[in-house]
Amino acid sequence: MKTKKLLSKIRAFFDSDLRDVQRQTDSLREVLDKLKKKETVLKSRLENEHDPKARKKLEKKISLVHSQRKKGLDLLKSLHLSDSPERE
């Protein structure tokens, strides 16, 4: 293991803020995975739906889930940027 990586691991071990950020990113990834699965299920239901009212409802749900995923991905990116070792 290189020195830089070893120092990064030691810093992560002693830095409680960094551990909190890592926990937050882990839980955020789980939520994003669930939202992605939900979006694919809704899209498959939309393909099989023929009723215009039901299709419109499904399209609204899909756009809502998609926007939630997009916000979550933006948050995840910002957490990764704050998590980088160059933030000192």
PDB file of N, CA and C in Angstrom:
ATOM      1  N   MET A   1       0.849  -1.169   0.000  1.00  0.00           N
ATOM      2  CA  MET A   1       0.000   0.000   0.000  1.00  0.00           C
ATOM      3  C   MET A   1       0.900   1.238   0.000  1.00  0.00           C
ATOM      4  N   LYS A   2       0.580   2.164  -0.869  1.00  0.00           N
ATOM      5  CA  LYS A   2       1.392   3.372  -0.961  1.00  0.00           C
ATOM      6  C   LYS A   2       1.131   4.292   0.222  1.00  0.00           C
ATOM      7  N   THR A   3       2.072   5.154   0.472  1.00  0.00           N
ATOM      8  CA  THR A   3       2.017   6.041   1.631  1.00  0.00           C
ATOM      9  C   THR A   3       0.800   6.959   1.581  1.00  0.00           C
ATOM     10  N   LYS A   4       0.521   7.506   0.407  1.00  0.00           N
ATOM     11  CA  LYS A   4      -0.602   8.435   0.279  1.00  0.00           C
ATOM     12  C   LYS A   4      -1.925   7.745   0.609  1.00  0.00           C
ATOM     13  N   LYS A   5      -2.089   6.531   0.117  1.00  0.00           N
ATOM     14  CA  LYS A   5      -3.315   5.785   0.379  1.00  0.00           C
ATOM     15  C   LYS A   5      -3.407   5.402   1.855  1.00  0.00           C
ATOM     16  N   LEU A   6      -2.284   5.025   2.431  1.00  0.00           N
ATOM     17  CA  LEU A   6      -2.256   4.668   3.843  1.00  0.00           C
ATOM     18  C   LEU A   6      -2.622   5.868   4.714  1.00  0.00           C
ATOM     19  N   LEU A   7      -2.073   7.020   4.395  1.00  0.00           N
ATOM     20  CA  LEU A   7      -2.407   8.233   5.146  1.00  0.00           C
ATOM     21  C   LEU A   7      -3.882   8.596   4.986  1.00  0.00           C
ATOM     22  N   SER A   8      -4.405   8.368   3.808  1.00  0.00           N
ATOM     23  CA  SER A   8      -5.820   8.643   3.574  1.00  0.00           C
ATOM     24  C   SER A   8      -6.695   7.730   4.428  1.00  0.00           C
ATOM     25  N   LYS A   9      -6.319   6.463   4.527  1.00  0.00           N
ATOM     26  CA  LYS A   9      -7.083   5.520   5.352  1.00  0.00           C
ATOM     27  C   LYS A   9      -6.991   5.875   6.835  1.00  0.00           C
ATOM     28  N   ILE A  10      -5.825   6.282   7.277  1.00  0.00           N
ATOM     29  CA  ILE A  10      -5.656   6.674   8.684  1.00  0.00           C
ATOM     30  C   ILE A  10      -6.489   7.914   8.983  1.00  0.00           C
ATOM     31  N   ARG A  11      -6.453   8.881   8.065  1.00  0.00           N
ATOM     32  CA  ARG A  11      -7.244  10.097   8.257  1.00  0.00           C
ATOM     33  C   ARG A  11      -8.731   9.765   8.311  1.00  0.00           C
ATOM     34  N   ALA A  12      -9.164   8.860   7.454  1.00  0.00           N
ATOM     35  CA  ALA A  12     -10.574   8.459   7.443  1.00  0.00           C
ATOM     36  C   ALA A  12     -10.947   7.761   8.749  1.00  0.00           C
ATOM     37  N   PHE A  13     -10.022   7.019   9.304  1.00  0.00           N
ATOM     38  CA  PHE A  13     -10.286   6.316  10.552  1.00  0.00           C
ATOM     39  C   PHE A  13     -10.474   7.292  11.709  1.00  0.00           C
ATOM     40  N   PHE A  14      -9.671   8.341  11.740  1.00  0.00           N
ATOM     41  CA  PHE A  14      -9.732   9.280  12.856  1.00  0.00           C
ATOM     42  C   PHE A  14     -10.691  10.447  12.632  1.00  0.00           C
ATOM     43  N   ASP A  15     -11.090  10.676  11.414  1.00  0.00           N
ATOM     44  CA  ASP A  15     -11.949  11.816  11.102  1.00  0.00           C
ATOM     45  C   ASP A  15     -13.419  11.395  11.171  1.00  0.00           C
ATOM     46  N   SER A  16     -14.112  11.836  12.204  1.00  0.00           N
ATOM     47  CA  SER A  16     -15.512  11.440  12.375  1.00  0.00           C
ATOM     48  C   SER A  16     -16.409  12.073  11.317  1.00  0.00           C
ATOM     49  N   ASP A  17     -16.068  13.281  10.866  1.00  0.00           N
ATOM     50  CA  ASP A  17     -16.863  13.920   9.820  1.00  0.00           C
ATOM     51  C   ASP A  17     -16.811  13.103   8.535  1.00  0.00           C
ATOM     52  N   LEU A  18     -15.643  12.604   8.218  1.00  0.00           N
ATOM     53  CA  LEU A  18     -15.489  11.800   7.012  1.00  0.00           C
ATOM     54  C   LEU A  18     -16.289  10.505   7.123  1.00  0.00           C
ATOM     55  N   ARG A  19     -16.290   9.902   8.304  1.00  0.00           N
ATOM     56  CA  ARG A  19     -17.087   8.682   8.496  1.00  0.00           C
ATOM     57  C   ARG A  19     -18.573   8.979   8.329  1.00  0.00           C
ATOM     58  N   ASP A  20     -19.013  10.132   8.837  1.00  0.00           N
ATOM     59  CA  ASP A  20     -20.418  10.511   8.680  1.00  0.00           C
ATOM     60  C   ASP A  20     -20.777  10.696   7.212  1.00  0.00           C
ATOM     61  N   VAL A  21     -19.877  11.308   6.468  1.00  0.00           N
ATOM     62  CA  VAL A  21     -20.120  11.513   5.037  1.00  0.00           C
ATOM     63  C   VAL A  21     -20.181  10.167   4.323  1.00  0.00           C
ATOM     64  N   GLN A  22     -19.313   9.242   4.711  1.00  0.00           N
ATOM     65  CA  GLN A  22     -19.322   7.923   4.082  1.00  0.00           C
ATOM     66  C   GLN A  22     -20.613   7.173   4.392  1.00  0.00           C
ATOM     67  N   ARG A  23     -21.093   7.277   5.615  1.00  0.00           N
ATOM     68  CA  ARG A  23     -22.373   6.644   5.961  1.00  0.00           C
ATOM     69  C   ARG A  23     -23.511   7.262   5.158  1.00  0.00           C
ATOM     70  N   GLN A  24     -23.460   8.575   5.020  1.00  0.00           N
ATOM     71  CA  GLN A  24     -24.501   9.270   4.280  1.00  0.00           C
ATOM     72  C   GLN A  24     -24.483   8.861   2.803  1.00  0.00           C
ATOM     73  N   THR A  25     -23.300   8.734   2.227  1.00  0.00           N
ATOM     74  CA  THR A  25     -23.225   8.323   0.825  1.00  0.00           C
ATOM     75  C   THR A  25     -23.713   6.889   0.652  1.00  0.00           C
ATOM     76  N   ASP A  26     -23.403   6.023   1.613  1.00  0.00           N
ATOM     77  CA  ASP A  26     -23.870   4.639   1.521  1.00  0.00           C
ATOM     78  C   ASP A  26     -25.397   4.568   1.553  1.00  0.00           C
ATOM     79  N   SER A  27     -26.000   5.296   2.477  1.00  0.00           N
ATOM     80  CA  SER A  27     -27.463   5.265   2.561  1.00  0.00           C
ATOM     81  C   SER A  27     -28.093   5.936   1.344  1.00  0.00           C
ATOM     82  N   LEU A  28     -27.453   6.972   0.837  1.00  0.00           N
ATOM     83  CA  LEU A  28     -27.969   7.647  -0.351  1.00  0.00           C
ATOM     84  C   LEU A  28     -27.905   6.728  -1.568  1.00  0.00           C
ATOM     85  N   ARG A  29     -26.846   5.947  -1.665  1.00  0.00           N
ATOM     86  CA  ARG A  29     -26.741   4.997  -2.779  1.00  0.00           C
ATOM     87  C   ARG A  29     -27.854   3.952  -2.723  1.00  0.00           C
ATOM     88  N   GLU A  30     -28.177   3.496  -1.524  1.00  0.00           N
ATOM     89  CA  GLU A  30     -29.266   2.523  -1.384  1.00  0.00           C
ATOM     90  C   GLU A  30     -30.588   3.118  -1.858  1.00  0.00           C
ATOM     91  N   VAL A  31     -30.846   4.354  -1.454  1.00  0.00           N
ATOM     92  CA  VAL A  31     -32.086   5.018  -1.855  1.00  0.00           C
ATOM     93  C   VAL A  31     -32.111   5.219  -3.367  1.00  0.00           C
ATOM     94  N   LEU A  32     -30.975   5.598  -3.937  1.00  0.00           N
ATOM     95  CA  LEU A  32     -30.916   5.811  -5.382  1.00  0.00           C
ATOM     96  C   LEU A  32     -31.140   4.510  -6.146  1.00  0.00           C
ATOM     97  N   ASP A  33     -30.620   3.410  -5.618  1.00  0.00           N
ATOM     98  CA  ASP A  33     -30.863   2.113  -6.253  1.00  0.00           C
ATOM     99  C   ASP A  33     -32.351   1.768  -6.234  1.00  0.00           C
ATOM    100  N   LYS A  34     -32.997   2.017  -5.103  1.00  0.00           N
ATOM    101  CA  LYS A  34     -34.432   1.738  -4.999  1.00  0.00           C
ATOM    102  C   LYS A  34     -35.232   2.617  -5.956  1.00  0.00           C
ATOM    103  N   LEU A  35     -34.837   3.884  -6.062  1.00  0.00           N
ATOM    104  CA  LEU A  35     -35.539   4.783  -6.978  1.00  0.00           C
ATOM    105  C   LEU A  35     -35.345   4.358  -8.430  1.00  0.00           C
ATOM    106  N   LYS A  36     -34.162   3.877  -8.753  1.00  0.00           N
ATOM    107  CA  LYS A  36     -33.903   3.426 -10.121  1.00  0.00           C
ATOM    108  C   LYS A  36     -34.768   2.210 -10.453  1.00  0.00           C
ATOM    109  N   LYS A  37     -34.858   1.279  -9.510  1.00  0.00           N
ATOM    110  CA  LYS A  37     -35.702   0.103  -9.728  1.00  0.00           C
ATOM    111  C   LYS A  37     -37.163   0.506  -9.875  1.00  0.00           C
ATOM    112  N   LYS A  38     -37.596   1.445  -9.045  1.00  0.00           N
ATOM    113  CA  LYS A  38     -38.983   1.900  -9.115  1.00  0.00           C
ATOM    114  C   LYS A  38     -39.261   2.568 -10.454  1.00  0.00           C
ATOM    115  N   GLU A  39     -38.299   3.336 -10.941  1.00  0.00           N
ATOM    116  CA  GLU A  39     -38.478   4.004 -12.229  1.00  0.00           C
ATOM    117  C   GLU A  39     -38.590   2.989 -13.366  1.00  0.00           C
ATOM    118  N   THR A  40     -37.781   1.946 -13.334  1.00  0.00           N
ATOM    119  CA  THR A  40     -37.857   0.936 -14.391  1.00  0.00           C
ATOM    120  C   THR A  40     -39.181   0.176 -14.331  1.00  0.00           C
ATOM    121  N   VAL A  41     -39.664  -0.097 -13.118  1.00  0.00           N
ATOM    122  CA  VAL A  41     -40.955  -0.782 -12.975  1.00  0.00           C
ATOM    123  C   VAL A  41     -42.075   0.093 -13.532  1.00  0.00           C
ATOM    124  N   LEU A  42     -42.033   1.373 -13.211  1.00  0.00           N
ATOM    125  CA  LEU A  42     -43.063   2.284 -13.707  1.00  0.00           C
ATOM    126  C   LEU A  42     -43.014   2.401 -15.230  1.00  0.00           C
ATOM    127  N   LYS A  43     -41.814   2.418 -15.790  1.00  0.00           N
ATOM    128  CA  LYS A  43     -41.693   2.494 -17.250  1.00  0.00           C
ATOM    129  C   LYS A  43     -42.250   1.239 -17.913  1.00  0.00           C
ATOM    130  N   SER A  44     -42.009   0.088 -17.314  1.00  0.00           N
ATOM    131  CA  SER A  44     -42.547  -1.141 -17.898  1.00  0.00           C
ATOM    132  C   SER A  44     -44.070  -1.175 -17.784  1.00  0.00           C
ATOM    133  N   ARG A  45     -44.600  -0.654 -16.673  1.00  0.00           N
ATOM    134  CA  ARG A  45     -46.059  -0.571 -16.531  1.00  0.00           C
ATOM    135  C   ARG A  45     -46.648   0.401 -17.549  1.00  0.00           C
ATOM    136  N   LEU A  46     -45.906   1.469 -17.837  1.00  0.00           N
ATOM    137  CA  LEU A  46     -46.372   2.455 -18.811  1.00  0.00           C
ATOM    138  C   LEU A  46     -46.454   1.846 -20.208  1.00  0.00           C
ATOM    139  N   GLU A  47     -45.494   1.000 -20.550  1.00  0.00           N
ATOM    140  CA  GLU A  47     -45.504   0.358 -21.864  1.00  0.00           C
ATOM    141  C   GLU A  47     -46.728  -0.535 -22.045  1.00  0.00           C
ATOM    142  N   ASN A  48     -47.194  -1.140 -20.968  1.00  0.00           N
ATOM    143  CA  ASN A  48     -48.320  -2.064 -21.052  1.00  0.00           C
ATOM    144  C   ASN A  48     -49.675  -1.392 -20.856  1.00  0.00           C
ATOM    145  N   GLU A  49     -49.668  -0.127 -20.490  1.00  0.00           N
ATOM    146  CA  GLU A  49     -50.917   0.585 -20.200  1.00  0.00           C
ATOM    147  C   GLU A  49     -51.478   1.220 -21.478  1.00  0.00           C
ATOM    148  N   HIS A  50     -52.804   1.110 -21.645  1.00  0.00           N
ATOM    149  CA  HIS A  50     -53.451   1.674 -22.829  1.00  0.00           C
ATOM    150  C   HIS A  50     -54.436   2.785 -22.486  1.00  0.00           C
ATOM    151  N   ASP A  51     -54.861   2.857 -21.253  1.00  0.00           N
ATOM    152  CA  ASP A  51     -55.801   3.885 -20.817  1.00  0.00           C
ATOM    153  C   ASP A  51     -55.078   5.237 -20.724  1.00  0.00           C
ATOM    154  N   PRO A  52     -55.579   6.269 -21.406  1.00  0.00           N
ATOM    155  CA  PRO A  52     -54.891   7.573 -21.408  1.00  0.00           C
ATOM    156  C   PRO A  52     -54.746   8.201 -20.022  1.00  0.00           C
ATOM    157  N   LYS A  53     -55.765   8.080 -19.177  1.00  0.00           N
ATOM    158  CA  LYS A  53     -55.672   8.663 -17.835  1.00  0.00           C
ATOM    159  C   LYS A  53     -54.611   7.952 -16.998  1.00  0.00           C
ATOM    160  N   ALA A  54     -54.605   6.644 -17.071  1.00  0.00           N
ATOM    161  CA  ALA A  54     -53.625   5.872 -16.307  1.00  0.00           C
ATOM    162  C   ALA A  54     -52.208   6.138 -16.829  1.00  0.00           C
ATOM    163  N   ARG A  55     -52.082   6.291 -18.152  1.00  0.00           N
ATOM    164  CA  ARG A  55     -50.772   6.592 -18.733  1.00  0.00           C
ATOM    165  C   ARG A  55     -50.255   7.941 -18.232  1.00  0.00           C
ATOM    166  N   LYS A  56     -51.159   8.908 -18.164  1.00  0.00           N
ATOM    167  CA  LYS A  56     -50.761  10.238 -17.705  1.00  0.00           C
ATOM    168  C   LYS A  56     -50.297  10.195 -16.245  1.00  0.00           C
ATOM    169  N   LYS A  57     -51.015   9.427 -15.407  1.00  0.00           N
ATOM    170  CA  LYS A  57     -50.609   9.271 -14.005  1.00  0.00           C
ATOM    171  C   LYS A  57     -49.229   8.629 -13.906  1.00  0.00           C
ATOM    172  N   LEU A  58     -49.031   7.579 -14.699  1.00  0.00           N
ATOM    173  CA  LEU A  58     -47.739   6.897 -14.674  1.00  0.00           C
ATOM    174  C   LEU A  58     -46.619   7.819 -15.153  1.00  0.00           C
ATOM    175  N   GLU A  59     -46.897   8.622 -16.170  1.00  0.00           N
ATOM    176  CA  GLU A  59     -45.881   9.555 -16.665  1.00  0.00           C
ATOM    177  C   GLU A  59     -45.511  10.578 -15.590  1.00  0.00           C
ATOM    178  N   LYS A  60     -46.507  11.039 -14.832  1.00  0.00           N
ATOM    179  CA  LYS A  60     -46.222  11.974 -13.739  1.00  0.00           C
ATOM    180  C   LYS A  60     -45.368  11.314 -12.665  1.00  0.00           C
ATOM    181  N   LYS A  61     -45.712  10.071 -12.327  1.00  0.00           N
ATOM    182  CA  LYS A  61     -44.930   9.351 -11.318  1.00  0.00           C
ATOM    183  C   LYS A  61     -43.497   9.138 -11.792  1.00  0.00           C
ATOM    184  N   ILE A  62     -43.350   8.794 -13.064  1.00  0.00           N
ATOM    185  CA  ILE A  62     -42.010   8.567 -13.616  1.00  0.00           C
ATOM    186  C   ILE A  62     -41.196   9.852 -13.572  1.00  0.00           C
ATOM    187  N   SER A  63     -41.807  10.965 -13.950  1.00  0.00           N
ATOM    188  CA  SER A  63     -41.060  12.225 -13.932  1.00  0.00           C
ATOM    189  C   SER A  63     -40.696  12.628 -12.503  1.00  0.00           C
ATOM    190  N   LEU A  64     -41.581  12.342 -11.548  1.00  0.00           N
ATOM    191  CA  LEU A  64     -41.296  12.645 -10.148  1.00  0.00           C
ATOM    192  C   LEU A  64     -40.122  11.808  -9.634  1.00  0.00           C
ATOM    193  N   VAL A  65     -40.164  10.516  -9.905  1.00  0.00           N
ATOM    194  CA  VAL A  65     -39.087   9.628  -9.456  1.00  0.00           C
ATOM    195  C   VAL A  65     -37.776  10.008 -10.134  1.00  0.00           C
ATOM    196  N   HIS A  66     -37.863  10.359 -11.418  1.00  0.00           N
ATOM    197  CA  HIS A  66     -36.655  10.737 -12.148  1.00  0.00           C
ATOM    198  C   HIS A  66     -36.033  12.008 -11.559  1.00  0.00           C
ATOM    199  N   SER A  67     -36.864  12.986 -11.233  1.00  0.00           N
ATOM    200  CA  SER A  67     -36.328  14.222 -10.657  1.00  0.00           C
ATOM    201  C   SER A  67     -35.742  13.970  -9.267  1.00  0.00           C
ATOM    202  N   GLN A  68     -36.356  13.069  -8.496  1.00  0.00           N
ATOM    203  CA  GLN A  68     -35.804  12.723  -7.185  1.00  0.00           C
ATOM    204  C   GLN A  68     -34.440  12.049  -7.338  1.00  0.00           C
ATOM    205  N   ARG A  69     -34.338  11.155  -8.323  1.00  0.00           N
ATOM    206  CA  ARG A  69     -33.055  10.499  -8.573  1.00  0.00           C
ATOM    207  C   ARG A  69     -31.999  11.510  -8.992  1.00  0.00           C
ATOM    208  N   LYS A  70     -32.397  12.452  -9.836  1.00  0.00           N
ATOM    209  CA  LYS A  70     -31.446  13.458 -10.312  1.00  0.00           C
ATOM    210  C   LYS A  70     -30.933  14.305  -9.148  1.00  0.00           C
ATOM    211  N   LYS A  71     -31.832  14.711  -8.259  1.00  0.00           N
ATOM    212  CA  LYS A  71     -31.423  15.484  -7.083  1.00  0.00           C
ATOM    213  C   LYS A  71     -30.495  14.657  -6.192  1.00  0.00           C
ATOM    214  N   GLY A  72     -30.819  13.383  -6.038  1.00  0.00           N
ATOM    215  CA  GLY A  72     -29.983  12.505  -5.229  1.00  0.00           C
ATOM    216  C   GLY A  72     -28.600  12.323  -5.826  1.00  0.00           C
ATOM    217  N   LEU A  73     -28.531  12.190  -7.144  1.00  0.00           N
ATOM    218  CA  LEU A  73     -27.234  12.047  -7.803  1.00  0.00           C
ATOM    219  C   LEU A  73     -26.408  13.318  -7.667  1.00  0.00           C
ATOM    220  N   ASP A  74     -27.063  14.474  -7.763  1.00  0.00           N
ATOM    221  CA  ASP A  74     -26.350  15.740  -7.565  1.00  0.00           C
ATOM    222  C   ASP A  74     -25.802  15.830  -6.142  1.00  0.00           C
ATOM    223  N   LEU A  75     -26.608  15.417  -5.177  1.00  0.00           N
ATOM    224  CA  LEU A  75     -26.165  15.424  -3.781  1.00  0.00           C
ATOM    225  C   LEU A  75     -24.997  14.465  -3.580  1.00  0.00           C
ATOM    226  N   LEU A  76     -25.077  13.299  -4.207  1.00  0.00           N
ATOM    227  CA  LEU A  76     -23.999  12.318  -4.099  1.00  0.00           C
ATOM    228  C   LEU A  76     -22.702  12.870  -4.689  1.00  0.00           C
ATOM    229  N   LYS A  77     -22.807  13.552  -5.821  1.00  0.00           N
ATOM    230  CA  LYS A  77     -21.616  14.158  -6.424  1.00  0.00           C
ATOM    231  C   LYS A  77     -21.019  15.214  -5.504  1.00  0.00           C
ATOM    232  N   SER A  78     -21.869  16.028  -4.896  1.00  0.00           N
ATOM    233  CA  SER A  78     -21.352  17.066  -4.004  1.00  0.00           C
ATOM    234  C   SER A  78     -20.710  16.445  -2.763  1.00  0.00           C
ATOM    235  N   LEU A  79     -21.269  15.330  -2.285  1.00  0.00           N
ATOM    236  CA  LEU A  79     -20.656  14.648  -1.143  1.00  0.00           C
ATOM    237  C   LEU A  79     -19.298  14.066  -1.523  1.00  0.00           C
ATOM    238  N   HIS A  80     -19.194  13.546  -2.738  1.00  0.00           N
ATOM    239  CA  HIS A  80     -17.910  13.008  -3.187  1.00  0.00           C
ATOM    240  C   HIS A  80     -16.875  14.116  -3.313  1.00  0.00           C
ATOM    241  N   LEU A  81     -17.298  15.285  -3.762  1.00  0.00           N
ATOM    242  CA  LEU A  81     -16.354  16.394  -3.883  1.00  0.00           C
ATOM    243  C   LEU A  81     -15.878  16.857  -2.514  1.00  0.00           C
ATOM    244  N   SER A  82     -16.777  16.871  -1.540  1.00  0.00           N
ATOM    245  CA  SER A  82     -16.374  17.282  -0.193  1.00  0.00           C
ATOM    246  C   SER A  82     -15.589  16.182   0.509  1.00  0.00           C
ATOM    247  N   ASP A  83     -15.718  14.954   0.022  1.00  0.00           N
ATOM    248  CA  ASP A  83     -15.051  13.801   0.617  1.00  0.00           C
ATOM    249  C   ASP A  83     -13.617  13.648   0.114  1.00  0.00           C
ATOM    250  N   SER A  84     -13.269  14.324  -0.968  1.00  0.00           N
ATOM    251  CA  SER A  84     -11.957  14.131  -1.572  1.00  0.00           C
ATOM    252  C   SER A  84     -10.845  14.605  -0.636  1.00  0.00           C
ATOM    253  N   PRO A  85      -9.678  13.974  -0.701  1.00  0.00           N
ATOM    254  CA  PRO A  85      -8.581  14.314   0.207  1.00  0.00           C
ATOM    255  C   PRO A  85      -8.007  15.709  -0.030  1.00  0.00           C
ATOM    256  N   GLU A  86      -8.287  16.338  -1.155  1.00  0.00           N
ATOM    257  CA  GLU A  86      -7.738  17.657  -1.446  1.00  0.00           C
ATOM    258  C   GLU A  86      -8.495  18.769  -0.739  1.00  0.00           C
ATOM    259  N   ARG A  87      -9.474  18.446   0.074  1.00  0.00           N
ATOM    260  CA  ARG A  87     -10.304  19.471   0.708  1.00  0.00           C
ATOM    261  C   ARG A  87      -9.625  20.146   1.888  1.00  0.00           C
ATOM    262  N   GLU A  88      -8.469  19.695   2.292  1.00  0.00           N
ATOM    263  CA  GLU A  88      -7.791  20.248   3.470  1.00  0.00           C
ATOM    264  C   GLU A  88      -7.406  21.658   3.289  1.00  0.00           C
TER     265      GLU A  88
END
